[in-house]
Each structure stands twice: as structure tokens, then as C-alpha cells.
Amino acid sequence: MTIFRWALTAIVIGSLCIAAAMLWPEVPDPRAGWTDQKSADYLNASQEIHARSHDLAGAMDHATGDPLHVHSPTESIADPRLAALDLERAREHSAKLQAELEAARRIPPGWHLLLGLLGALLTVVGVVIALTTRVRM
């Protein structure tokens, strides 16, 4: 009968390990990889892309001689090639920040996976031992 109690104990401990692995937060600090400064940089990069795309459109309108395009007094007329390079740099910077954001969002495999596997192993072993000892009785 003591083997059966050990089997029940293994089942209970295994079940608790599985529950703890599933319920415990997978990422202890979700802000650890992504700071407020990076959030502000990401927002600024998006705004930079927007501004550079307008600069490129204005430069293209000026270069093609669009008669409907009216220059405002504060508008600077840029070379379309330089405006395209500025836009490409802004996109590269935004892509770099986007990659950092995705990396911060990824959940690293941790102890919760090992705890879940240990719990599953204990539960299976406990069930097998319990069934084999009950059949013999």
C-alpha cells in the first residue's frame, strides 16, 4: 500500500507542477526588453518616415514640374534623390527598432517549460505505478 501512496503523491505533485507551469507568468517583466525611451524612438521613427515620404513626394512633384503643386513659403525644395535617401534611412532605422520590439515581445523558453515537463513525467509515472499496483491487489 505504501507504493500506491507514493504513486498518488507523484500524481499530486506532478499535477501541481503542471498547474504552476501554466499559471505562472511566462515573462517576469514584459518591459525589460523595451523601455519608454525606445517607445518614444519608435514613435519618432514612424513620424520621420511620414515626414520624409512627404518630402519625397514634394521633391518629385517639383522635379516633374507638376503645375498643380504650389510651394509654400516654408517649403524647401529638395533633390528627389536626396529625399529618397533620407526616406530609406528613416525606413532602415524604423525596421531596426521594429526588430528590437519583436525581440522584446518574444517569450524566451524558461523554467516553466522544464517545470511542466517534470510535472507531466511525475503524473505519468504516478498513474502507471498506481494502475499496476491496483491490478496486483
N, C-alpha and C. Protein backbone atom coordinates (compact mmCIF):
# COMPACT_ATOMS: atom_id res chain seq x y z
N MET A 1 0.82 -1.21 0.00
CA MET A 1 0.00 0.00 0.00
C MET A 1 0.86 1.26 0.00
N THR A 2 2.07 1.18 0.50
CA THR A 2 2.93 2.37 0.52
C THR A 2 3.34 2.78 -0.89
N ILE A 3 3.49 1.82 -1.79
CA ILE A 3 3.83 2.17 -3.19
C ILE A 3 2.68 2.94 -3.81
N PHE A 4 1.47 2.53 -3.49
CA PHE A 4 0.29 3.24 -4.02
C PHE A 4 0.25 4.68 -3.51
N ARG A 5 0.60 4.89 -2.25
CA ARG A 5 0.63 6.25 -1.71
C ARG A 5 1.72 7.09 -2.40
N TRP A 6 2.86 6.47 -2.67
CA TRP A 6 3.92 7.18 -3.41
C TRP A 6 3.41 7.56 -4.80
N ALA A 7 2.66 6.67 -5.42
CA ALA A 7 2.11 6.95 -6.75
C ALA A 7 1.13 8.12 -6.70
N LEU A 8 0.27 8.13 -5.68
CA LEU A 8 -0.67 9.24 -5.53
C LEU A 8 0.06 10.56 -5.25
N THR A 9 1.12 10.48 -4.45
CA THR A 9 1.92 11.67 -4.17
C THR A 9 2.57 12.19 -5.45
N ALA A 10 3.08 11.30 -6.28
CA ALA A 10 3.69 11.70 -7.55
C ALA A 10 2.65 12.34 -8.47
N ILE A 11 1.44 11.79 -8.48
CA ILE A 11 0.37 12.37 -9.31
C ILE A 11 0.01 13.77 -8.83
N VAL A 12 -0.12 13.94 -7.53
CA VAL A 12 -0.48 15.26 -6.97
C VAL A 12 0.64 16.27 -7.24
N ILE A 13 1.88 15.89 -6.96
CA ILE A 13 3.00 16.81 -7.18
C ILE A 13 3.14 17.13 -8.66
N GLY A 14 2.99 16.12 -9.51
CA GLY A 14 3.06 16.35 -10.96
C GLY A 14 1.97 17.29 -11.44
N SER A 15 0.77 17.11 -10.93
CA SER A 15 -0.35 17.99 -11.31
C SER A 15 -0.10 19.42 -10.85
N LEU A 16 0.44 19.57 -9.65
CA LEU A 16 0.76 20.91 -9.15
C LEU A 16 1.86 21.57 -9.98
N CYS A 17 2.84 20.79 -10.40
CA CYS A 17 3.91 21.33 -11.25
C CYS A 17 3.33 21.80 -12.60
N ILE A 18 2.45 21.00 -13.18
CA ILE A 18 1.83 21.39 -14.46
C ILE A 18 1.00 22.66 -14.28
N ALA A 19 0.21 22.72 -13.19
CA ALA A 19 -0.61 23.91 -12.95
C ALA A 19 0.27 25.14 -12.73
N ALA A 20 1.35 24.99 -11.97
CA ALA A 20 2.26 26.12 -11.72
C ALA A 20 2.91 26.58 -13.02
N ALA A 21 3.29 25.64 -13.88
CA ALA A 21 3.93 26.00 -15.15
C ALA A 21 2.96 26.74 -16.06
N MET A 22 1.70 26.38 -16.00
CA MET A 22 0.71 27.02 -16.88
C MET A 22 0.24 28.37 -16.34
N LEU A 23 0.16 28.49 -15.03
CA LEU A 23 -0.39 29.71 -14.44
C LEU A 23 0.66 30.78 -14.14
N TRP A 24 1.90 30.39 -13.96
CA TRP A 24 2.95 31.35 -13.63
C TRP A 24 3.22 32.25 -14.83
N PRO A 25 3.41 33.53 -14.62
CA PRO A 25 3.69 34.42 -15.75
C PRO A 25 4.94 33.97 -16.49
N GLU A 26 4.84 33.89 -17.80
CA GLU A 26 5.95 33.40 -18.61
C GLU A 26 7.08 34.42 -18.73
N VAL A 27 6.74 35.70 -18.69
CA VAL A 27 7.75 36.74 -18.77
C VAL A 27 7.69 37.53 -17.47
N PRO A 28 8.75 37.50 -16.66
CA PRO A 28 8.69 38.18 -15.38
C PRO A 28 8.47 39.68 -15.51
N ASP A 29 9.12 40.31 -16.44
CA ASP A 29 8.96 41.76 -16.62
C ASP A 29 8.83 42.05 -18.11
N PRO A 30 7.63 42.27 -18.62
CA PRO A 30 7.46 42.48 -20.05
C PRO A 30 8.13 43.76 -20.55
N ARG A 31 8.44 44.70 -19.65
CA ARG A 31 9.07 45.94 -20.07
C ARG A 31 10.59 45.85 -20.05
N ALA A 32 11.14 44.68 -19.66
CA ALA A 32 12.58 44.57 -19.50
C ALA A 32 13.32 44.80 -20.82
N GLY A 33 12.77 44.35 -21.93
CA GLY A 33 13.46 44.49 -23.20
C GLY A 33 13.04 45.70 -24.00
N TRP A 34 12.06 46.44 -23.54
CA TRP A 34 11.54 47.57 -24.30
C TRP A 34 11.26 48.71 -23.33
N THR A 35 12.08 49.74 -23.41
CA THR A 35 11.98 50.86 -22.46
C THR A 35 11.07 51.96 -23.01
N ASP A 36 10.74 52.92 -22.15
CA ASP A 36 9.95 54.07 -22.58
C ASP A 36 10.70 54.89 -23.63
N GLN A 37 12.02 54.96 -23.50
CA GLN A 37 12.83 55.70 -24.48
C GLN A 37 12.75 55.04 -25.85
N LYS A 38 12.79 53.70 -25.88
CA LYS A 38 12.67 53.01 -27.16
C LYS A 38 11.28 53.20 -27.76
N SER A 39 10.27 53.28 -26.91
CA SER A 39 8.91 53.54 -27.41
C SER A 39 8.85 54.91 -28.06
N ALA A 40 9.46 55.89 -27.42
CA ALA A 40 9.49 57.25 -27.99
C ALA A 40 10.29 57.26 -29.29
N ASP A 41 11.41 56.54 -29.33
CA ASP A 41 12.21 56.47 -30.56
C ASP A 41 11.42 55.82 -31.69
N TYR A 42 10.66 54.77 -31.35
CA TYR A 42 9.86 54.08 -32.36
C TYR A 42 8.79 55.01 -32.93
N LEU A 43 8.14 55.78 -32.05
CA LEU A 43 7.14 56.74 -32.50
C LEU A 43 7.78 57.81 -33.37
N ASN A 44 8.94 58.32 -32.94
CA ASN A 44 9.65 59.34 -33.74
C ASN A 44 10.07 58.79 -35.09
N ALA A 45 10.48 57.52 -35.13
CA ALA A 45 10.88 56.91 -36.41
C ALA A 45 9.69 56.83 -37.36
N SER A 46 8.51 56.50 -36.82
CA SER A 46 7.31 56.44 -37.65
C SER A 46 6.96 57.84 -38.19
N GLN A 47 7.08 58.83 -37.33
CA GLN A 47 6.81 60.20 -37.77
C GLN A 47 7.85 60.67 -38.78
N GLU A 48 9.08 60.23 -38.62
CA GLU A 48 10.15 60.58 -39.56
C GLU A 48 9.86 59.99 -40.94
N ILE A 49 9.41 58.75 -40.98
CA ILE A 49 9.05 58.14 -42.27
C ILE A 49 7.94 58.94 -42.93
N HIS A 50 6.96 59.32 -42.14
CA HIS A 50 5.84 60.09 -42.68
C HIS A 50 6.33 61.42 -43.27
N ALA A 51 7.16 62.12 -42.51
CA ALA A 51 7.67 63.42 -42.98
C ALA A 51 8.54 63.25 -44.21
N ARG A 52 9.41 62.24 -44.21
CA ARG A 52 10.31 62.03 -45.36
C ARG A 52 9.53 61.61 -46.61
N SER A 53 8.44 60.87 -46.44
CA SER A 53 7.65 60.48 -47.61
C SER A 53 6.98 61.71 -48.22
N HIS A 54 6.56 62.65 -47.37
CA HIS A 54 6.00 63.91 -47.90
C HIS A 54 7.08 64.74 -48.59
N ASP A 55 8.29 64.75 -48.02
CA ASP A 55 9.39 65.47 -48.66
C ASP A 55 9.69 64.88 -50.03
N LEU A 56 9.69 63.57 -50.12
CA LEU A 56 9.96 62.91 -51.39
C LEU A 56 8.86 63.21 -52.40
N ALA A 57 7.61 63.18 -51.95
CA ALA A 57 6.51 63.49 -52.86
C ALA A 57 6.61 64.92 -53.37
N GLY A 58 6.95 65.84 -52.46
CA GLY A 58 7.11 67.23 -52.88
C GLY A 58 8.26 67.40 -53.84
N ALA A 59 9.36 66.72 -53.59
CA ALA A 59 10.52 66.81 -54.47
C ALA A 59 10.20 66.22 -55.84
N MET A 60 9.45 65.13 -55.85
CA MET A 60 9.08 64.52 -57.13
C MET A 60 8.12 65.43 -57.90
N ASP A 61 7.19 66.06 -57.19
CA ASP A 61 6.28 67.00 -57.85
C ASP A 61 7.05 68.16 -58.45
N HIS A 62 8.02 68.66 -57.73
CA HIS A 62 8.82 69.78 -58.22
C HIS A 62 9.68 69.36 -59.40
N ALA A 63 10.26 68.14 -59.30
CA ALA A 63 11.14 67.67 -60.36
C ALA A 63 10.37 67.40 -61.65
N THR A 64 9.13 66.95 -61.54
CA THR A 64 8.34 66.66 -62.75
C THR A 64 7.62 67.89 -63.27
N GLY A 65 7.71 68.98 -62.51
CA GLY A 65 7.07 70.21 -62.97
C GLY A 65 5.55 70.15 -62.88
N ASP A 66 5.03 69.53 -61.85
CA ASP A 66 3.58 69.44 -61.65
C ASP A 66 2.99 70.84 -61.52
N PRO A 67 2.10 71.23 -62.44
CA PRO A 67 1.56 72.59 -62.40
C PRO A 67 0.60 72.81 -61.22
N LEU A 68 0.08 71.73 -60.63
CA LEU A 68 -0.85 71.88 -59.51
C LEU A 68 -0.12 72.02 -58.17
N HIS A 69 1.16 71.72 -58.18
CA HIS A 69 1.92 71.79 -56.94
C HIS A 69 2.29 73.24 -56.64
N VAL A 70 1.83 73.73 -55.50
CA VAL A 70 2.09 75.11 -55.11
C VAL A 70 3.08 75.08 -53.95
N HIS A 71 4.13 75.86 -54.05
CA HIS A 71 5.14 75.91 -52.99
C HIS A 71 4.68 76.87 -51.91
N SER A 72 4.78 76.41 -50.68
CA SER A 72 4.51 77.30 -49.55
C SER A 72 5.80 78.05 -49.23
N PRO A 73 5.69 79.17 -48.53
CA PRO A 73 6.91 79.94 -48.22
C PRO A 73 7.92 79.16 -47.36
N THR A 74 7.44 78.24 -46.54
CA THR A 74 8.35 77.50 -45.66
C THR A 74 8.86 76.21 -46.29
N GLU A 75 8.35 75.85 -47.48
CA GLU A 75 8.73 74.59 -48.10
C GLU A 75 10.11 74.71 -48.72
N SER A 76 10.92 73.73 -48.38
CA SER A 76 12.24 73.69 -49.02
C SER A 76 12.17 72.72 -50.18
N ILE A 77 12.77 73.09 -51.26
CA ILE A 77 12.75 72.26 -52.46
C ILE A 77 13.98 71.37 -52.41
N ALA A 78 13.76 70.07 -52.35
CA ALA A 78 14.86 69.13 -52.22
C ALA A 78 15.04 68.33 -53.50
N ASP A 79 16.23 67.82 -53.64
CA ASP A 79 16.54 66.92 -54.75
C ASP A 79 15.81 65.59 -54.47
N PRO A 80 15.09 65.04 -55.45
CA PRO A 80 14.35 63.78 -55.21
C PRO A 80 15.27 62.64 -54.79
N ARG A 81 16.50 62.61 -55.32
CA ARG A 81 17.42 61.53 -54.93
C ARG A 81 17.81 61.64 -53.46
N LEU A 82 18.06 62.85 -52.99
CA LEU A 82 18.41 63.04 -51.57
C LEU A 82 17.21 62.75 -50.68
N ALA A 83 16.03 63.16 -51.13
CA ALA A 83 14.82 62.88 -50.35
C ALA A 83 14.58 61.37 -50.28
N ALA A 84 14.85 60.65 -51.37
CA ALA A 84 14.68 59.19 -51.37
C ALA A 84 15.68 58.53 -50.42
N LEU A 85 16.92 59.04 -50.39
CA LEU A 85 17.92 58.51 -49.46
C LEU A 85 17.52 58.75 -48.01
N ASP A 86 17.00 59.95 -47.72
CA ASP A 86 16.54 60.25 -46.36
C ASP A 86 15.40 59.33 -45.95
N LEU A 87 14.47 59.10 -46.88
CA LEU A 87 13.36 58.21 -46.60
C LEU A 87 13.86 56.79 -46.35
N GLU A 88 14.83 56.34 -47.14
CA GLU A 88 15.38 54.98 -46.97
C GLU A 88 16.08 54.85 -45.61
N ARG A 89 16.82 55.87 -45.20
CA ARG A 89 17.47 55.85 -43.88
C ARG A 89 16.44 55.79 -42.76
N ALA A 90 15.36 56.55 -42.91
CA ALA A 90 14.30 56.53 -41.89
C ALA A 90 13.64 55.16 -41.83
N ARG A 91 13.44 54.54 -42.97
CA ARG A 91 12.84 53.20 -43.00
C ARG A 91 13.76 52.16 -42.37
N GLU A 92 15.06 52.28 -42.63
CA GLU A 92 16.02 51.34 -42.03
C GLU A 92 16.03 51.48 -40.51
N HIS A 93 16.02 52.71 -40.04
CA HIS A 93 16.00 52.95 -38.59
C HIS A 93 14.72 52.39 -37.98
N SER A 94 13.60 52.59 -38.65
CA SER A 94 12.33 52.07 -38.15
C SER A 94 12.33 50.54 -38.16
N ALA A 95 12.90 49.94 -39.20
CA ALA A 95 12.96 48.48 -39.28
C ALA A 95 13.83 47.91 -38.15
N LYS A 96 14.92 48.61 -37.83
CA LYS A 96 15.79 48.18 -36.74
C LYS A 96 15.02 48.22 -35.41
N LEU A 97 14.29 49.30 -35.18
CA LEU A 97 13.50 49.41 -33.95
C LEU A 97 12.38 48.37 -33.92
N GLN A 98 11.78 48.10 -35.08
CA GLN A 98 10.73 47.08 -35.17
C GLN A 98 11.29 45.71 -34.80
N ALA A 99 12.50 45.41 -35.26
CA ALA A 99 13.13 44.13 -34.92
C ALA A 99 13.40 44.04 -33.42
N GLU A 100 13.84 45.14 -32.81
CA GLU A 100 14.06 45.15 -31.37
C GLU A 100 12.75 44.95 -30.61
N LEU A 101 11.67 45.56 -31.11
CA LEU A 101 10.37 45.38 -30.47
C LEU A 101 9.92 43.93 -30.55
N GLU A 102 10.08 43.32 -31.71
CA GLU A 102 9.68 41.91 -31.87
C GLU A 102 10.52 41.01 -30.97
N ALA A 103 11.81 41.32 -30.84
CA ALA A 103 12.67 40.53 -29.96
C ALA A 103 12.23 40.67 -28.51
N ALA A 104 11.81 41.86 -28.12
CA ALA A 104 11.34 42.07 -26.75
C ALA A 104 10.01 41.36 -26.50
N ARG A 105 9.23 41.20 -27.54
CA ARG A 105 7.93 40.53 -27.39
C ARG A 105 8.05 39.02 -27.30
N ARG A 106 9.12 38.46 -27.89
CA ARG A 106 9.27 37.01 -27.88
C ARG A 106 9.42 36.51 -26.46
N ILE A 107 8.81 35.39 -26.22
CA ILE A 107 8.86 34.79 -24.88
C ILE A 107 10.02 33.80 -24.87
N PRO A 108 11.02 34.05 -24.05
CA PRO A 108 12.13 33.11 -24.00
C PRO A 108 11.72 31.82 -23.30
N PRO A 109 12.22 30.68 -23.78
CA PRO A 109 11.90 29.45 -23.07
C PRO A 109 12.56 29.49 -21.70
N GLY A 110 11.85 29.09 -20.71
CA GLY A 110 12.39 29.22 -19.36
C GLY A 110 12.09 28.02 -18.51
N TRP A 111 12.18 28.26 -17.23
CA TRP A 111 11.98 27.19 -16.27
C TRP A 111 10.57 26.65 -16.29
N HIS A 112 9.59 27.44 -16.73
CA HIS A 112 8.21 26.96 -16.74
C HIS A 112 8.04 25.77 -17.67
N LEU A 113 8.83 25.72 -18.75
CA LEU A 113 8.78 24.57 -19.67
C LEU A 113 9.32 23.33 -18.96
N LEU A 114 10.43 23.48 -18.28
CA LEU A 114 11.00 22.34 -17.55
C LEU A 114 10.08 21.89 -16.42
N LEU A 115 9.47 22.84 -15.74
CA LEU A 115 8.53 22.50 -14.67
C LEU A 115 7.33 21.73 -15.21
N GLY A 116 6.82 22.15 -16.37
CA GLY A 116 5.71 21.45 -17.00
C GLY A 116 6.08 20.03 -17.42
N LEU A 117 7.29 19.88 -17.98
CA LEU A 117 7.74 18.55 -18.39
C LEU A 117 7.95 17.64 -17.18
N LEU A 118 8.53 18.18 -16.12
CA LEU A 118 8.72 17.41 -14.90
C LEU A 118 7.36 16.99 -14.32
N GLY A 119 6.41 17.92 -14.33
CA GLY A 119 5.07 17.61 -13.83
C GLY A 119 4.40 16.53 -14.65
N ALA A 120 4.54 16.60 -15.97
CA ALA A 120 3.95 15.57 -16.83
C ALA A 120 4.59 14.21 -16.58
N LEU A 121 5.91 14.21 -16.43
CA LEU A 121 6.61 12.95 -16.17
C LEU A 121 6.19 12.36 -14.83
N LEU A 122 6.13 13.18 -13.79
CA LEU A 122 5.69 12.68 -12.48
C LEU A 122 4.26 12.15 -12.52
N THR A 123 3.39 12.85 -13.22
CA THR A 123 2.00 12.42 -13.31
C THR A 123 1.87 11.09 -14.04
N VAL A 124 2.57 10.95 -15.15
CA VAL A 124 2.50 9.70 -15.92
C VAL A 124 3.07 8.55 -15.11
N VAL A 125 4.23 8.77 -14.48
CA VAL A 125 4.83 7.71 -13.66
C VAL A 125 3.90 7.34 -12.51
N GLY A 126 3.32 8.35 -11.87
CA GLY A 126 2.39 8.07 -10.77
C GLY A 126 1.18 7.28 -11.22
N VAL A 127 0.62 7.63 -12.37
CA VAL A 127 -0.55 6.90 -12.88
C VAL A 127 -0.18 5.46 -13.23
N VAL A 128 0.95 5.27 -13.88
CA VAL A 128 1.38 3.91 -14.25
C VAL A 128 1.60 3.07 -13.00
N ILE A 129 2.29 3.62 -12.01
CA ILE A 129 2.54 2.86 -10.77
C ILE A 129 1.22 2.58 -10.05
N ALA A 130 0.33 3.57 -10.01
CA ALA A 130 -0.96 3.36 -9.33
C ALA A 130 -1.77 2.28 -10.01
N LEU A 131 -1.79 2.28 -11.33
CA LEU A 131 -2.55 1.26 -12.05
C LEU A 131 -1.94 -0.13 -11.89
N THR A 132 -0.64 -0.21 -11.94
CA THR A 132 -0.01 -1.53 -11.82
C THR A 132 -0.12 -2.08 -10.40
N THR A 133 -0.09 -1.24 -9.38
CA THR A 133 -0.24 -1.74 -8.01
C THR A 133 -1.68 -2.08 -7.69
N ARG A 134 -2.64 -1.39 -8.30
CA ARG A 134 -4.06 -1.67 -8.07
C ARG A 134 -4.46 -2.97 -8.73
N VAL A 135 -3.85 -3.27 -9.89
CA VAL A 135 -4.18 -4.51 -10.60
C VAL A 135 -3.68 -5.71 -9.81
N ARG A 136 -2.53 -5.58 -9.18
CA ARG A 136 -1.95 -6.69 -8.41
C ARG A 136 -2.73 -6.99 -7.13
N MET A 137 -3.43 -6.00 -6.61
CA MET A 137 -4.12 -6.21 -5.34
C MET A 137 -5.31 -7.05 -5.48
